Protein backbone atom coordinates (compact mmCIF):
# COMPACT_ATOMS: atom_id res chain seq x y z
CA MET A 1 24.41 -25.01 -8.09
CA ILE A 2 21.83 -23.12 -6.64
CA GLU A 3 20.81 -20.38 -9.89
CA PRO A 4 19.95 -17.07 -8.27
CA VAL A 5 15.64 -16.97 -8.96
CA ARG A 6 14.35 -13.40 -10.21
CA VAL A 7 10.90 -12.38 -8.55
CA LYS A 8 8.51 -11.61 -11.79
CA ILE A 9 5.37 -10.88 -9.35
CA TRP A 10 5.65 -8.75 -5.41
CA ASN A 11 2.40 -8.32 -3.43
CA ILE A 12 3.66 -5.47 -1.51
CA VAL A 13 1.44 -6.19 2.69
CA ALA A 14 2.71 -1.98 4.31
CA SER A 15 0.52 -1.52 8.02
CA GLY A 16 -0.72 1.34 9.25
CA ASN A 17 0.86 4.14 11.77
CA THR A 18 0.62 2.10 14.72
CA GLN A 19 1.00 -1.17 13.76
CA HIS A 20 4.11 -2.72 13.62
CA GLU A 21 5.56 -6.76 13.28
CA GLY A 22 5.60 -7.98 16.26
CA GLN A 23 2.32 -8.24 16.58
CA GLN A 24 -1.55 -9.16 15.20
CA HIS A 25 -3.21 -7.13 12.85
CA GLY A 26 -5.75 -7.27 10.05
CA SER A 27 -2.14 -6.22 7.32
CA ALA A 28 -0.47 -9.58 9.04
CA ARG A 29 -3.33 -11.68 8.57
CA LEU A 30 -4.29 -11.04 4.93
CA THR A 31 -0.53 -11.45 5.25
CA ALA A 32 -0.16 -15.03 5.56
CA LYS A 33 -2.72 -15.26 3.43
CA LEU A 34 -1.59 -13.82 0.67
CA ARG A 35 1.61 -16.85 1.50
CA ASN A 36 -0.88 -19.11 -0.55
CA PHE A 37 0.21 -17.37 -4.13
CA SER A 38 3.89 -17.59 -3.11
CA ARG A 39 6.47 -19.33 -4.47
CA PRO A 40 9.91 -18.82 -5.70
CA ASP A 41 9.33 -15.73 -8.68
CA THR A 42 6.58 -14.37 -6.33
CA PHE A 43 7.27 -12.37 -3.46
CA VAL A 44 4.78 -11.78 -0.06
CA GLY A 45 5.97 -9.82 2.58
CA LEU A 46 4.13 -6.99 5.30
CA ARG A 47 6.44 -3.90 5.69
CA ALA A 48 5.93 -1.26 7.30
CA TRP A 49 4.81 2.28 6.69
CA ASN A 50 8.23 4.23 6.98
CA ASP A 51 9.93 1.46 5.40
CA ASN A 52 12.52 3.22 3.13
CA ALA A 53 10.76 3.27 -0.56
CA GLU A 54 14.02 4.10 -1.85
CA ARG A 55 15.39 1.19 -0.76
CA LEU A 56 12.52 -1.34 -1.11
CA ALA A 57 12.86 0.09 -4.46
CA ALA A 58 16.27 -0.87 -5.50
CA PHE A 59 15.52 -4.56 -4.06
CA ILE A 60 12.79 -4.84 -5.96
CA HIS A 61 15.02 -3.50 -9.42
CA TYR A 62 17.59 -5.62 -8.86
CA SER A 63 16.02 -9.30 -7.93
CA SER A 64 13.43 -8.93 -10.58
CA PRO A 65 13.62 -9.20 -14.82
CA TRP A 66 12.64 -7.09 -16.78
CA ALA A 67 8.73 -5.13 -15.57
CA PRO A 68 8.01 -7.41 -12.95
CA VAL A 69 4.63 -7.55 -12.00
CA VAL A 70 4.36 -4.87 -8.69
CA ASN A 71 0.99 -5.37 -6.55
CA PHE A 72 0.97 -3.23 -3.72
CA PHE A 73 -1.60 -3.50 -0.90
CA GLY A 74 -1.42 -0.43 2.07
CA TYR A 75 -3.67 0.13 5.13
CA SER A 76 -4.01 4.10 6.90
CA TRP A 77 0.43 5.43 6.52
CA GLY A 78 0.84 2.36 4.57
CA ASN A 79 -0.75 4.37 1.65
CA GLY A 80 -0.47 7.77 2.49
CA ASN A 81 3.80 7.08 3.27
CA LEU A 82 5.54 4.24 1.95
CA GLY A 83 2.87 3.62 -1.12
CA ARG A 84 3.30 7.03 -2.61
CA ASN A 85 7.04 6.84 -1.97
CA LEU A 86 7.74 3.93 -3.35
CA ALA A 87 5.53 4.61 -6.35
CA GLU A 88 7.84 7.93 -7.10
CA ALA A 89 11.32 6.13 -6.42
CA LEU A 90 10.51 2.86 -8.78
CA GLN A 91 10.13 5.65 -11.35
CA LYS A 92 13.57 5.65 -12.08
CA TYR A 93 13.63 2.68 -12.80
CA ASN A 94 10.79 2.34 -15.15
CA ILE A 95 9.15 0.26 -13.26
CA ARG A 96 5.03 0.02 -12.64
CA ILE A 97 2.46 -0.71 -9.90
CA GLU A 98 0.32 -2.36 -11.85
CA ASN A 99 -2.72 -2.82 -8.69
CA TRP A 100 -2.77 -0.25 -5.82
CA ILE A 101 -5.90 -2.16 -3.64
CA ALA A 102 -5.57 0.44 -0.52
CA CYS A 103 -7.40 0.43 2.76
CA ASP A 104 -8.40 3.39 3.90
CA PRO A 105 -5.76 5.08 3.36
CA VAL A 106 -4.79 8.62 5.35
CA TYR A 107 -2.50 11.18 4.11
CA ARG A 108 0.85 11.71 5.91
CA SER A 109 2.74 15.26 4.59
CA LYS A 110 6.32 14.75 3.55
CA MET A 111 7.25 17.27 5.95
CA ALA A 112 7.38 14.59 8.21
CA GLU A 113 10.53 13.16 6.65
CA TYR A 114 12.74 16.65 5.99
CA ILE A 115 11.70 18.47 9.60
CA PRO A 116 12.89 17.32 12.97
CA GLY A 117 9.43 16.72 14.93
CA PHE A 118 7.25 17.31 12.65
CA GLY A 119 5.56 13.99 13.03
CA HIS A 120 3.01 14.67 16.07
CA MET A 121 2.24 17.64 13.33
CA ALA A 122 1.94 15.27 10.12
CA ARG A 123 -0.02 12.96 12.29
CA ALA A 124 -2.92 15.90 12.78
CA ILE A 125 -2.90 17.21 9.20
CA GLY A 126 -3.68 13.63 7.77
CA VAL A 127 -6.34 13.02 10.62
CA LEU A 128 -8.36 16.20 10.98
CA ARG A 129 -7.55 17.49 7.31
CA GLN A 130 -8.21 14.29 4.55
CA ALA A 131 -5.35 15.94 2.02
CA ASP A 132 -5.99 13.83 -1.33
CA ILE A 133 -2.67 11.50 -1.39
CA LYS A 134 -1.37 12.36 -5.56
CA ILE A 135 0.07 9.73 -7.08
CA PRO A 136 2.58 9.13 -9.56
CA ALA A 137 1.98 8.15 -13.35
CA ASN A 138 3.92 4.75 -12.93
CA VAL A 139 0.02 3.58 -11.07
CA MET A 140 -2.08 1.77 -12.82
CA ARG A 141 -4.38 0.27 -11.14
CA VAL A 142 -6.76 1.68 -7.46
CA GLN A 143 -9.53 0.19 -5.64
CA SER A 144 -9.68 1.86 -2.29
CA PHE A 145 -12.41 1.28 0.86
CA VAL A 146 -12.84 3.93 3.14
CA GLN A 147 -15.43 4.16 5.49
CA ALA A 148 -17.09 7.36 8.06
CA ASN A 149 -17.45 6.61 11.36
CA LYS A 150 -14.50 7.59 13.04
CA ILE A 151 -11.61 10.08 12.16
CA PRO A 152 -8.61 8.46 10.56
CA ARG A 153 -11.64 8.67 7.28
CA GLY A 154 -10.35 7.12 4.64
CA ALA A 155 -8.97 10.14 1.63
CA ARG A 156 -8.84 10.71 -1.24
CA ILE A 157 -6.41 8.73 -3.73
CA VAL A 158 -5.58 11.05 -7.00
CA ALA A 159 -4.14 10.15 -9.98
CA THR A 160 -1.63 12.58 -11.97
CA SER A 161 -1.47 11.22 -15.33
CA PRO A 162 -4.77 9.99 -17.20
CA MET A 163 -3.07 6.73 -17.63
CA THR A 164 -3.95 5.71 -14.20
CA MET A 165 -7.80 4.13 -13.59
CA ILE A 166 -9.19 5.36 -9.56
CA GLU A 167 -11.32 3.16 -9.29
CA GLN A 168 -14.26 4.75 -7.19
CA PRO A 169 -14.14 3.83 -3.36
CA ILE A 170 -16.02 1.62 -1.92
CA ASP A 171 -17.25 2.96 1.68
CA LEU A 172 -17.69 0.36 4.44
CA SER A 173 -19.68 2.88 6.60
CA ALA A 174 -23.05 0.79 7.42
CA LYS A 175 -21.36 -1.98 8.46
CA GLY A 176 -19.84 -0.81 10.94
CA TYR A 177 -15.91 -0.33 10.87
CA GLY A 178 -13.41 2.27 11.95
CA HIS A 179 -10.06 2.97 11.11
CA ASN A 180 -9.05 0.75 13.52
CA GLU A 181 -11.38 -1.54 12.64
CA MET A 182 -10.82 -1.72 8.76
CA ASP A 183 -7.51 -3.78 8.09
CA GLU A 184 -9.46 -6.73 9.27
CA ALA A 185 -12.22 -6.18 7.22
CA GLU A 186 -12.81 -8.83 4.27
CA GLU A 187 -13.97 -6.91 1.91
CA TRP A 188 -10.38 -6.46 1.13
CA HIS A 189 -8.71 -9.06 2.15
CA SER A 190 -10.98 -10.41 -0.25
CA ALA A 191 -9.98 -8.23 -3.27
CA VAL A 192 -6.84 -8.45 -2.22
CA ILE A 193 -6.11 -12.33 -2.30
CA ALA A 194 -8.44 -12.03 -5.55
CA CYS A 195 -5.98 -9.41 -7.19
CA ALA A 196 -3.44 -11.84 -6.13
CA GLU A 197 -5.08 -14.99 -7.68
CA ARG A 198 -4.67 -13.24 -10.75
CA TYR A 199 -1.59 -13.82 -10.99
CA ALA A 200 -0.57 -16.97 -9.32
């Protein structure tokens, strides 16, 4: 009889607001690289920025043993929407995000989820206002790669707990990246791969 396998390590990549799984883009290529570390007890997957965070958190909870390692790698709204919402949803299960490595994170207002027709305004707020992305206390470590060449630019990720370690953002502006090219940045890919290797 084949027994179910519990997932101990989660490597989740979240795409940006103009991307989906039917396209070739940097987030998809990063996910393909991470499959080198895939095994029965290690999940590697690409999720859309607007995936249902509550369902994803429940999936992680019932698929895992106690205290799984969750690593989150987000690009653009993948950080300001799915990442933030997933961290909040995981709190009810007492599950932490051990490592969050962000690529040019962009804020997205939660009002877009509750007010019909607010989506375009939410996009404008994220692009122009560049509000901070506040993350809950169950996120342990955050590293981010940003650029200042083109709008939208990388927003600040701000801890709400002293338990969260926020590293100084790494500015890749000198490399010539704009926002649309940032998810191809080898610097982001290398940091993500190094993180996954630690748990392989």
